[in-house]
């Protein structure tokens, strides 16, 4: 009889421990979406202030929550919140010019008519699942370009001198 009571007590303790663990897991689930108050606008890039709106490029989107944070959704996956730091560091980059009347030049001053030279601003996006370095160029408050997503360092972003072909446009 004593063994049965001990087994019952052990079973109850195990059930309580398992139950407590599963409750802790549920209460510590992290949601990677931006929260916080609105600042009235998105980040300012070279004098152009983007809107607190969703901008999309293909199946990717960035939703600016305020001037320093955005939810990123990559190809329909779970949104992640990123803190945005747009610095004053600039570089000249090539942006596709669909009219083929660009003013871009390459080494030696040779014309590069399929592209425009644009001044892009260095930005860092920090959040889960990592930190990404890139350059950003804003056409207007309705569209912007990145020189790719996910460079692991500033030097990698520096070596990618082309803005992606498709703009992120306001929806």
N, C-alpha and C. Protein backbone atom coordinates (compact mmCIF):
# COMPACT_ATOMS: atom_id res chain seq x y z
N UNK A 1 0.83 -1.18 0.00
CA UNK A 1 0.00 0.00 0.00
C UNK A 1 0.88 1.26 0.00
N UNK A 2 1.98 1.21 0.77
CA UNK A 2 2.87 2.35 0.84
C UNK A 2 3.47 2.67 -0.53
N UNK A 3 3.83 1.64 -1.31
CA UNK A 3 4.38 1.83 -2.66
C UNK A 3 3.37 2.47 -3.60
N UNK A 4 2.10 2.12 -3.48
CA UNK A 4 1.05 2.69 -4.32
C UNK A 4 0.90 4.18 -4.02
N UNK A 5 0.90 4.54 -2.76
CA UNK A 5 0.75 5.96 -2.37
C UNK A 5 1.95 6.76 -2.88
N UNK A 6 3.15 6.20 -2.77
CA UNK A 6 4.35 6.88 -3.26
C UNK A 6 4.26 7.06 -4.78
N UNK A 7 3.82 6.06 -5.50
CA UNK A 7 3.67 6.15 -6.96
C UNK A 7 2.64 7.20 -7.35
N UNK A 8 1.54 7.25 -6.61
CA UNK A 8 0.50 8.25 -6.89
C UNK A 8 1.06 9.66 -6.65
N UNK A 9 1.78 9.83 -5.57
CA UNK A 9 2.36 11.14 -5.26
C UNK A 9 3.38 11.53 -6.34
N UNK A 10 4.24 10.60 -6.74
CA UNK A 10 5.22 10.86 -7.79
C UNK A 10 4.51 11.21 -9.09
N UNK A 11 3.45 10.50 -9.43
CA UNK A 11 2.69 10.77 -10.66
C UNK A 11 2.08 12.17 -10.62
N UNK A 12 1.53 12.54 -9.49
CA UNK A 12 0.92 13.88 -9.35
C UNK A 12 2.01 14.96 -9.50
N UNK A 13 3.17 14.75 -8.88
CA UNK A 13 4.26 15.73 -8.98
C UNK A 13 4.72 15.85 -10.43
N UNK A 14 4.88 14.73 -11.13
CA UNK A 14 5.30 14.75 -12.53
C UNK A 14 4.28 15.50 -13.38
N UNK A 15 3.01 15.24 -13.18
CA UNK A 15 1.95 15.91 -13.93
C UNK A 15 1.99 17.42 -13.66
N UNK A 16 2.17 17.81 -12.39
CA UNK A 16 2.24 19.23 -12.06
C UNK A 16 3.45 19.90 -12.70
N UNK A 17 4.59 19.22 -12.70
CA UNK A 17 5.80 19.79 -13.30
C UNK A 17 5.62 19.95 -14.81
N UNK A 18 5.09 18.95 -15.47
CA UNK A 18 4.85 19.03 -16.92
C UNK A 18 3.86 20.14 -17.23
N UNK A 19 2.82 20.23 -16.45
CA UNK A 19 1.82 21.28 -16.66
C UNK A 19 2.43 22.66 -16.46
N UNK A 20 3.24 22.83 -15.44
CA UNK A 20 3.88 24.12 -15.18
C UNK A 20 4.84 24.49 -16.30
N UNK A 21 5.58 23.52 -16.82
CA UNK A 21 6.51 23.78 -17.91
C UNK A 21 5.78 24.22 -19.16
N UNK A 22 4.70 23.56 -19.50
CA UNK A 22 3.98 23.94 -20.72
C UNK A 22 3.33 25.30 -20.58
N UNK A 23 2.91 25.67 -19.37
CA UNK A 23 2.36 27.01 -19.16
C UNK A 23 3.45 28.06 -19.31
N UNK A 24 4.66 27.77 -18.80
CA UNK A 24 5.76 28.71 -18.94
C UNK A 24 6.11 28.92 -20.40
N UNK A 25 6.13 27.86 -21.19
CA UNK A 25 6.43 27.99 -22.60
C UNK A 25 5.44 28.90 -23.29
N UNK A 26 4.17 28.72 -23.02
CA UNK A 26 3.15 29.53 -23.66
C UNK A 26 3.28 30.99 -23.26
N UNK A 27 3.61 31.28 -22.02
CA UNK A 27 3.67 32.65 -21.57
C UNK A 27 4.95 33.36 -22.02
N UNK A 28 5.98 32.62 -22.45
CA UNK A 28 7.21 33.25 -22.90
C UNK A 28 7.37 33.23 -24.41
N UNK A 29 6.33 32.90 -25.14
CA UNK A 29 6.41 32.91 -26.60
C UNK A 29 6.69 34.32 -27.07
N UNK A 30 7.73 34.47 -27.90
CA UNK A 30 8.13 35.78 -28.38
C UNK A 30 7.44 36.06 -29.70
N UNK A 31 6.86 37.23 -29.81
CA UNK A 31 6.25 37.66 -31.06
C UNK A 31 7.18 38.69 -31.68
N UNK A 32 7.63 38.41 -32.89
CA UNK A 32 8.58 39.30 -33.55
C UNK A 32 7.86 40.30 -34.44
N UNK A 33 6.98 41.06 -33.86
CA UNK A 33 6.35 42.14 -34.59
C UNK A 33 6.54 43.42 -33.80
N UNK A 34 6.70 44.50 -34.52
CA UNK A 34 6.97 45.78 -33.86
C UNK A 34 5.74 46.27 -33.12
N UNK A 35 5.99 46.82 -31.98
CA UNK A 35 4.95 47.48 -31.21
C UNK A 35 5.49 48.85 -30.83
N UNK A 36 4.67 49.65 -30.26
CA UNK A 36 5.13 50.96 -29.83
C UNK A 36 4.34 52.05 -30.50
N UNK A 37 4.66 53.27 -30.12
CA UNK A 37 3.87 54.40 -30.60
C UNK A 37 4.34 54.88 -31.97
N UNK A 38 3.42 55.47 -32.67
CA UNK A 38 3.68 56.02 -33.97
C UNK A 38 4.44 57.33 -33.83
N UNK A 39 5.36 57.56 -34.75
CA UNK A 39 6.06 58.84 -34.77
C UNK A 39 5.47 59.74 -35.86
N UNK A 40 4.53 59.21 -36.63
CA UNK A 40 3.91 59.96 -37.70
C UNK A 40 4.53 59.73 -39.06
N UNK A 41 5.69 59.08 -39.08
CA UNK A 41 6.32 58.82 -40.38
C UNK A 41 7.31 57.68 -40.26
N UNK A 42 7.75 57.21 -41.43
CA UNK A 42 8.79 56.20 -41.49
C UNK A 42 10.16 56.88 -41.45
N UNK A 43 11.22 56.15 -41.82
CA UNK A 43 12.56 56.73 -41.77
C UNK A 43 12.76 57.81 -42.83
N UNK A 44 13.68 58.72 -42.57
CA UNK A 44 14.04 59.73 -43.55
C UNK A 44 15.33 59.31 -44.22
N UNK A 45 15.30 59.28 -45.55
CA UNK A 45 16.43 58.81 -46.34
C UNK A 45 16.81 59.93 -47.32
N UNK A 46 17.91 60.59 -47.05
CA UNK A 46 18.36 61.64 -47.95
C UNK A 46 17.35 62.75 -48.16
N UNK A 47 16.67 63.14 -47.11
CA UNK A 47 15.69 64.22 -47.22
C UNK A 47 14.29 63.76 -47.60
N UNK A 48 14.11 62.49 -47.93
CA UNK A 48 12.79 61.96 -48.27
C UNK A 48 12.31 61.11 -47.09
N UNK A 49 11.16 61.47 -46.56
CA UNK A 49 10.60 60.74 -45.43
C UNK A 49 9.56 59.76 -45.93
N UNK A 50 9.80 58.49 -45.68
CA UNK A 50 8.85 57.45 -46.08
C UNK A 50 7.64 57.48 -45.14
N UNK A 51 6.55 56.90 -45.58
CA UNK A 51 5.30 56.89 -44.82
C UNK A 51 5.28 55.73 -43.83
N UNK A 52 4.42 55.83 -42.84
CA UNK A 52 4.13 54.69 -41.96
C UNK A 52 3.13 53.82 -42.70
N UNK A 53 3.62 53.08 -43.64
CA UNK A 53 2.80 52.27 -44.53
C UNK A 53 3.53 50.97 -44.83
N UNK A 54 2.85 50.12 -45.58
CA UNK A 54 3.46 48.89 -46.07
C UNK A 54 3.98 49.13 -47.48
N UNK A 55 5.24 48.76 -47.69
CA UNK A 55 5.88 48.85 -49.00
C UNK A 55 6.19 47.42 -49.42
N UNK A 56 5.88 47.06 -50.67
CA UNK A 56 6.13 45.70 -51.12
C UNK A 56 7.01 45.67 -52.36
N UNK A 57 7.72 44.56 -52.49
CA UNK A 57 8.51 44.25 -53.68
C UNK A 57 8.36 42.75 -53.89
N UNK A 58 7.56 42.39 -54.88
CA UNK A 58 7.26 40.97 -55.09
C UNK A 58 6.50 40.43 -53.89
N UNK A 59 6.98 39.34 -53.31
CA UNK A 59 6.31 38.76 -52.14
C UNK A 59 6.95 39.22 -50.83
N UNK A 60 7.82 40.21 -50.89
CA UNK A 60 8.47 40.75 -49.69
C UNK A 60 7.82 42.07 -49.31
N UNK A 61 7.78 42.36 -48.01
CA UNK A 61 7.22 43.64 -47.59
C UNK A 61 7.93 44.17 -46.36
N UNK A 62 7.93 45.50 -46.26
CA UNK A 62 8.39 46.21 -45.07
C UNK A 62 7.26 47.14 -44.68
N UNK A 63 6.83 47.05 -43.43
CA UNK A 63 5.80 47.95 -42.91
C UNK A 63 6.45 48.82 -41.86
N UNK A 64 6.58 50.11 -42.16
CA UNK A 64 7.19 51.03 -41.20
C UNK A 64 6.18 51.34 -40.11
N UNK A 65 6.56 51.06 -38.87
CA UNK A 65 5.72 51.31 -37.71
C UNK A 65 5.96 52.74 -37.21
N UNK A 66 7.20 53.20 -37.32
CA UNK A 66 7.57 54.56 -36.99
C UNK A 66 8.89 54.84 -37.71
N UNK A 67 9.60 55.88 -37.31
CA UNK A 67 10.81 56.26 -38.04
C UNK A 67 12.00 55.35 -37.76
N UNK A 68 11.90 54.47 -36.77
CA UNK A 68 13.04 53.61 -36.44
C UNK A 68 12.73 52.13 -36.41
N UNK A 69 11.52 51.71 -36.76
CA UNK A 69 11.24 50.27 -36.77
C UNK A 69 10.27 49.89 -37.88
N UNK A 70 10.45 48.64 -38.30
CA UNK A 70 9.62 48.11 -39.38
C UNK A 70 9.44 46.62 -39.21
N UNK A 71 8.27 46.14 -39.62
CA UNK A 71 8.03 44.71 -39.71
C UNK A 71 8.44 44.27 -41.10
N UNK A 72 9.25 43.24 -41.16
CA UNK A 72 9.67 42.69 -42.44
C UNK A 72 8.99 41.34 -42.62
N UNK A 73 8.40 41.14 -43.80
CA UNK A 73 7.84 39.84 -44.15
C UNK A 73 8.54 39.40 -45.42
N UNK A 74 9.26 38.30 -45.33
CA UNK A 74 9.99 37.78 -46.48
C UNK A 74 9.24 36.59 -47.06
N UNK A 75 8.78 36.73 -48.28
CA UNK A 75 8.08 35.67 -49.02
C UNK A 75 6.95 35.03 -48.22
N UNK A 76 6.13 35.84 -47.58
CA UNK A 76 4.95 35.35 -46.89
C UNK A 76 5.22 34.67 -45.56
N UNK A 77 6.43 34.72 -45.07
CA UNK A 77 6.76 34.07 -43.80
C UNK A 77 6.34 34.95 -42.63
N UNK A 78 6.65 34.53 -41.42
CA UNK A 78 6.30 35.24 -40.20
C UNK A 78 6.97 36.61 -40.19
N UNK A 79 6.24 37.68 -39.82
CA UNK A 79 6.87 39.00 -39.77
C UNK A 79 7.85 39.10 -38.61
N UNK A 80 8.93 39.82 -38.85
CA UNK A 80 9.94 40.08 -37.83
C UNK A 80 10.11 41.57 -37.69
N UNK A 81 10.32 42.03 -36.48
CA UNK A 81 10.51 43.45 -36.22
C UNK A 81 11.99 43.79 -36.31
N UNK A 82 12.30 44.86 -37.02
CA UNK A 82 13.67 45.34 -37.15
C UNK A 82 13.75 46.78 -36.70
N UNK A 83 14.81 47.10 -35.99
CA UNK A 83 15.14 48.48 -35.67
C UNK A 83 16.01 48.99 -36.80
N UNK A 84 15.66 50.16 -37.32
CA UNK A 84 16.34 50.70 -38.50
C UNK A 84 17.22 51.87 -38.08
N UNK A 85 18.47 51.82 -38.50
CA UNK A 85 19.39 52.93 -38.28
C UNK A 85 19.89 53.38 -39.64
N UNK A 86 19.38 54.51 -40.12
CA UNK A 86 19.84 55.06 -41.38
C UNK A 86 20.90 56.10 -41.04
N UNK A 87 22.13 55.82 -41.43
CA UNK A 87 23.23 56.72 -41.09
C UNK A 87 23.46 57.73 -42.21
N UNK A 88 24.41 58.62 -41.97
CA UNK A 88 24.72 59.62 -42.99
C UNK A 88 25.74 59.12 -43.99
N UNK A 89 26.29 57.93 -43.80
CA UNK A 89 27.26 57.40 -44.75
C UNK A 89 26.59 57.18 -46.10
N UNK A 90 27.19 57.71 -47.15
CA UNK A 90 26.58 57.60 -48.47
C UNK A 90 27.56 56.98 -49.45
N UNK A 91 27.00 56.50 -50.54
CA UNK A 91 27.81 55.93 -51.61
C UNK A 91 27.02 56.08 -52.91
N UNK A 92 27.73 56.20 -54.01
CA UNK A 92 27.08 56.25 -55.32
C UNK A 92 26.84 54.82 -55.79
N UNK A 93 25.61 54.53 -56.18
CA UNK A 93 25.26 53.19 -56.64
C UNK A 93 24.50 53.27 -57.95
N UNK A 94 24.36 52.12 -58.59
CA UNK A 94 23.64 52.04 -59.86
C UNK A 94 22.22 51.57 -59.61
N UNK A 95 21.27 52.29 -60.19
CA UNK A 95 19.85 51.92 -60.12
C UNK A 95 19.35 51.74 -61.54
N UNK A 96 18.61 50.69 -61.79
CA UNK A 96 18.06 50.43 -63.11
C UNK A 96 17.28 51.64 -63.61
N UNK A 97 17.50 51.96 -64.88
CA UNK A 97 16.78 53.05 -65.51
C UNK A 97 16.01 52.45 -66.68
N UNK A 98 14.73 52.22 -66.50
CA UNK A 98 13.93 51.54 -67.53
C UNK A 98 13.84 52.36 -68.81
N UNK A 99 14.02 53.69 -68.72
CA UNK A 99 13.97 54.53 -69.92
C UNK A 99 15.28 54.47 -70.70
N UNK A 100 16.28 53.84 -70.12
CA UNK A 100 17.58 53.67 -70.76
C UNK A 100 18.21 55.02 -71.12
N UNK A 101 18.00 56.00 -70.27
CA UNK A 101 18.56 57.33 -70.50
C UNK A 101 19.37 57.79 -69.30
N UNK A 102 19.95 56.86 -68.60
CA UNK A 102 20.63 57.17 -67.35
C UNK A 102 21.89 57.97 -67.53
N UNK A 103 22.39 58.46 -66.42
CA UNK A 103 23.62 59.24 -66.44
C UNK A 103 24.76 58.51 -65.75
N UNK A 104 24.60 57.23 -65.52
CA UNK A 104 25.64 56.47 -64.81
C UNK A 104 26.89 56.37 -65.67
N UNK A 105 28.03 56.36 -65.01
CA UNK A 105 29.29 56.16 -65.70
C UNK A 105 30.08 55.09 -64.95
N UNK A 106 30.96 54.43 -65.67
CA UNK A 106 31.83 53.44 -65.06
C UNK A 106 33.26 53.93 -65.20
N UNK A 107 34.21 53.13 -64.76
CA UNK A 107 35.62 53.53 -64.78
C UNK A 107 36.01 54.12 -66.13
N UNK A 108 36.75 55.20 -66.08
CA UNK A 108 37.20 55.84 -67.31
C UNK A 108 36.18 56.80 -67.89
N UNK A 109 35.05 57.02 -67.17
CA UNK A 109 34.04 57.97 -67.63
C UNK A 109 33.13 57.44 -68.72
N UNK A 110 33.16 56.14 -68.97
CA UNK A 110 32.31 55.56 -70.01
C UNK A 110 30.85 55.56 -69.57
N UNK A 111 29.94 55.94 -70.46
CA UNK A 111 28.51 56.01 -70.15
C UNK A 111 27.95 54.61 -69.89
N UNK A 112 27.01 54.55 -69.00
CA UNK A 112 26.35 53.30 -68.62
C UNK A 112 24.85 53.58 -68.68
N UNK A 113 24.26 53.68 -69.89
CA UNK A 113 22.92 54.24 -70.05
C UNK A 113 21.77 53.43 -69.46
N UNK A 114 21.97 52.17 -69.15
CA UNK A 114 20.87 51.39 -68.57
C UNK A 114 20.67 51.67 -67.09
N UNK A 115 21.55 52.47 -66.50
CA UNK A 115 21.51 52.73 -65.06
C UNK A 115 21.63 54.22 -64.78
N UNK A 116 21.12 54.60 -63.62
CA UNK A 116 21.32 55.93 -63.07
C UNK A 116 22.28 55.81 -61.91
N UNK A 117 23.11 56.85 -61.72
CA UNK A 117 23.88 56.96 -60.48
C UNK A 117 22.95 57.56 -59.43
N UNK A 118 22.86 56.94 -58.28
CA UNK A 118 22.05 57.49 -57.19
C UNK A 118 22.88 57.51 -55.92
N UNK A 119 22.52 58.38 -55.01
CA UNK A 119 23.19 58.44 -53.72
C UNK A 119 22.38 57.59 -52.75
N UNK A 120 23.00 56.52 -52.29
CA UNK A 120 22.34 55.59 -51.37
C UNK A 120 22.89 55.81 -49.96
N UNK A 121 22.05 55.54 -48.98
CA UNK A 121 22.40 55.75 -47.57
C UNK A 121 22.55 54.41 -46.87
N UNK A 122 23.62 54.30 -46.12
CA UNK A 122 23.90 53.06 -45.39
C UNK A 122 22.89 52.87 -44.27
N UNK A 123 22.36 51.68 -44.16
CA UNK A 123 21.41 51.38 -43.09
C UNK A 123 21.70 50.01 -42.49
N UNK A 124 21.38 49.90 -41.23
CA UNK A 124 21.50 48.64 -40.51
C UNK A 124 20.12 48.30 -39.99
N UNK A 125 19.68 47.08 -40.22
CA UNK A 125 18.42 46.60 -39.64
C UNK A 125 18.77 45.51 -38.64
N UNK A 126 18.40 45.75 -37.40
CA UNK A 126 18.74 44.84 -36.31
C UNK A 126 17.48 44.26 -35.71
N UNK A 127 17.45 42.96 -35.57
CA UNK A 127 16.31 42.27 -34.98
C UNK A 127 16.49 40.79 -35.14
N UNK A 128 15.44 40.05 -34.86
CA UNK A 128 15.51 38.61 -35.06
C UNK A 128 15.21 38.32 -36.51
N UNK A 129 15.91 37.50 -37.25
CA UNK A 129 16.92 36.58 -36.78
C UNK A 129 18.35 37.07 -36.89
N UNK A 130 18.59 38.34 -37.20
CA UNK A 130 19.96 38.80 -37.29
C UNK A 130 20.08 40.28 -37.56
N UNK A 131 21.31 40.71 -37.87
CA UNK A 131 21.59 42.09 -38.24
C UNK A 131 21.96 42.11 -39.71
N UNK A 132 21.34 43.03 -40.44
CA UNK A 132 21.56 43.11 -41.88
C UNK A 132 22.06 44.49 -42.25
N UNK A 133 23.05 44.53 -43.14
CA UNK A 133 23.66 45.77 -43.61
C UNK A 133 23.27 45.94 -45.07
N UNK A 134 22.89 47.17 -45.43
CA UNK A 134 22.52 47.43 -46.82
C UNK A 134 22.52 48.92 -47.07
N UNK A 135 22.34 49.27 -48.32
CA UNK A 135 22.15 50.67 -48.69
C UNK A 135 20.73 50.83 -49.18
N UNK A 136 20.18 52.00 -48.91
CA UNK A 136 18.80 52.29 -49.27
C UNK A 136 18.76 53.62 -50.04
N UNK A 137 17.93 53.66 -51.04
CA UNK A 137 17.75 54.87 -51.84
C UNK A 137 16.25 55.08 -52.00
N UNK A 138 15.77 56.27 -51.67
CA UNK A 138 14.35 56.59 -51.81
C UNK A 138 14.13 57.46 -53.04
N UNK A 139 13.29 56.98 -53.96
CA UNK A 139 12.86 57.76 -55.13
C UNK A 139 11.98 58.91 -54.68
N UNK A 140 10.91 58.52 -53.98
CA UNK A 140 9.91 59.45 -53.46
C UNK A 140 9.45 58.88 -52.12
N UNK A 141 8.45 59.50 -51.50
CA UNK A 141 7.93 58.92 -50.26
C UNK A 141 7.08 57.68 -50.53
N UNK A 142 6.93 57.32 -51.81
CA UNK A 142 6.14 56.16 -52.20
C UNK A 142 6.97 54.97 -52.65
N UNK A 143 8.28 55.13 -52.77
CA UNK A 143 9.09 53.98 -53.21
C UNK A 143 10.54 54.13 -52.77
N UNK A 144 11.17 52.99 -52.57
CA UNK A 144 12.59 52.97 -52.23
C UNK A 144 13.21 51.69 -52.76
N UNK A 145 14.54 51.71 -52.88
CA UNK A 145 15.32 50.57 -53.35
C UNK A 145 16.31 50.16 -52.28
N UNK A 146 16.66 48.89 -52.28
CA UNK A 146 17.73 48.36 -51.43
C UNK A 146 18.80 47.78 -52.34
N UNK A 147 20.03 47.69 -51.87
CA UNK A 147 21.05 47.02 -52.68
C UNK A 147 21.16 45.55 -52.27
N UNK A 148 20.06 44.95 -52.01
CA UNK A 148 19.89 43.54 -51.63
C UNK A 148 19.55 43.45 -50.16
N UNK A 149 19.08 42.31 -49.76
CA UNK A 149 18.67 42.10 -48.38
C UNK A 149 19.61 41.09 -47.75
N UNK A 150 20.12 41.44 -46.59
CA UNK A 150 20.81 40.43 -45.81
C UNK A 150 22.31 40.40 -45.89
N UNK A 151 22.96 41.50 -46.25
CA UNK A 151 24.43 41.50 -46.19
C UNK A 151 24.86 41.35 -44.73
N UNK A 152 25.87 40.55 -44.51
CA UNK A 152 26.30 40.25 -43.14
C UNK A 152 27.23 41.31 -42.56
N UNK A 153 27.72 42.22 -43.40
CA UNK A 153 28.63 43.25 -42.91
C UNK A 153 28.54 44.49 -43.80
N UNK A 154 29.08 45.60 -43.32
CA UNK A 154 29.09 46.82 -44.11
C UNK A 154 29.95 46.62 -45.35
N UNK A 155 31.08 45.93 -45.21
CA UNK A 155 31.96 45.73 -46.37
C UNK A 155 31.26 44.92 -47.46
N UNK A 156 30.42 43.96 -47.07
CA UNK A 156 29.67 43.19 -48.08
C UNK A 156 28.66 44.10 -48.77
N UNK A 157 28.00 44.98 -48.01
CA UNK A 157 27.05 45.92 -48.62
C UNK A 157 27.79 46.90 -49.52
N UNK A 158 28.98 47.33 -49.10
CA UNK A 158 29.78 48.26 -49.91
C UNK A 158 30.17 47.65 -51.25
N UNK A 159 30.42 46.36 -51.28
CA UNK A 159 30.88 45.73 -52.52
C UNK A 159 29.74 45.42 -53.49
N UNK A 160 28.50 45.56 -53.04
CA UNK A 160 27.34 45.35 -53.90
C UNK A 160 26.88 46.72 -54.38
N UNK A 161 27.30 47.13 -55.56
CA UNK A 161 27.10 48.51 -56.01
C UNK A 161 25.79 48.72 -56.78
N UNK A 162 24.94 47.71 -56.85
CA UNK A 162 23.69 47.83 -57.59
C UNK A 162 22.48 47.82 -56.66
N UNK A 163 21.56 48.72 -56.91
CA UNK A 163 20.25 48.65 -56.25
C UNK A 163 19.49 47.50 -56.91
N UNK A 164 18.64 46.82 -56.15
CA UNK A 164 17.86 45.74 -56.76
C UNK A 164 16.99 46.32 -57.86
N UNK A 165 16.64 45.51 -58.84
CA UNK A 165 15.87 45.97 -59.98
C UNK A 165 14.47 46.44 -59.66
N UNK A 166 13.86 45.88 -58.62
CA UNK A 166 12.47 46.23 -58.28
C UNK A 166 12.44 47.11 -57.05
N UNK A 167 11.63 48.14 -57.12
CA UNK A 167 11.46 49.03 -55.97
C UNK A 167 10.48 48.43 -54.99
N UNK A 168 10.62 48.81 -53.74
CA UNK A 168 9.57 48.59 -52.75
C UNK A 168 8.61 49.77 -52.92
N UNK A 169 7.37 49.49 -53.22
CA UNK A 169 6.40 50.57 -53.45
C UNK A 169 5.31 50.55 -52.41
N UNK A 170 4.83 51.76 -52.07
CA UNK A 170 3.78 51.92 -51.06
C UNK A 170 2.49 51.33 -51.57
N UNK A 171 1.80 50.60 -50.71
CA UNK A 171 0.53 49.96 -51.08
C UNK A 171 -0.65 50.81 -50.70
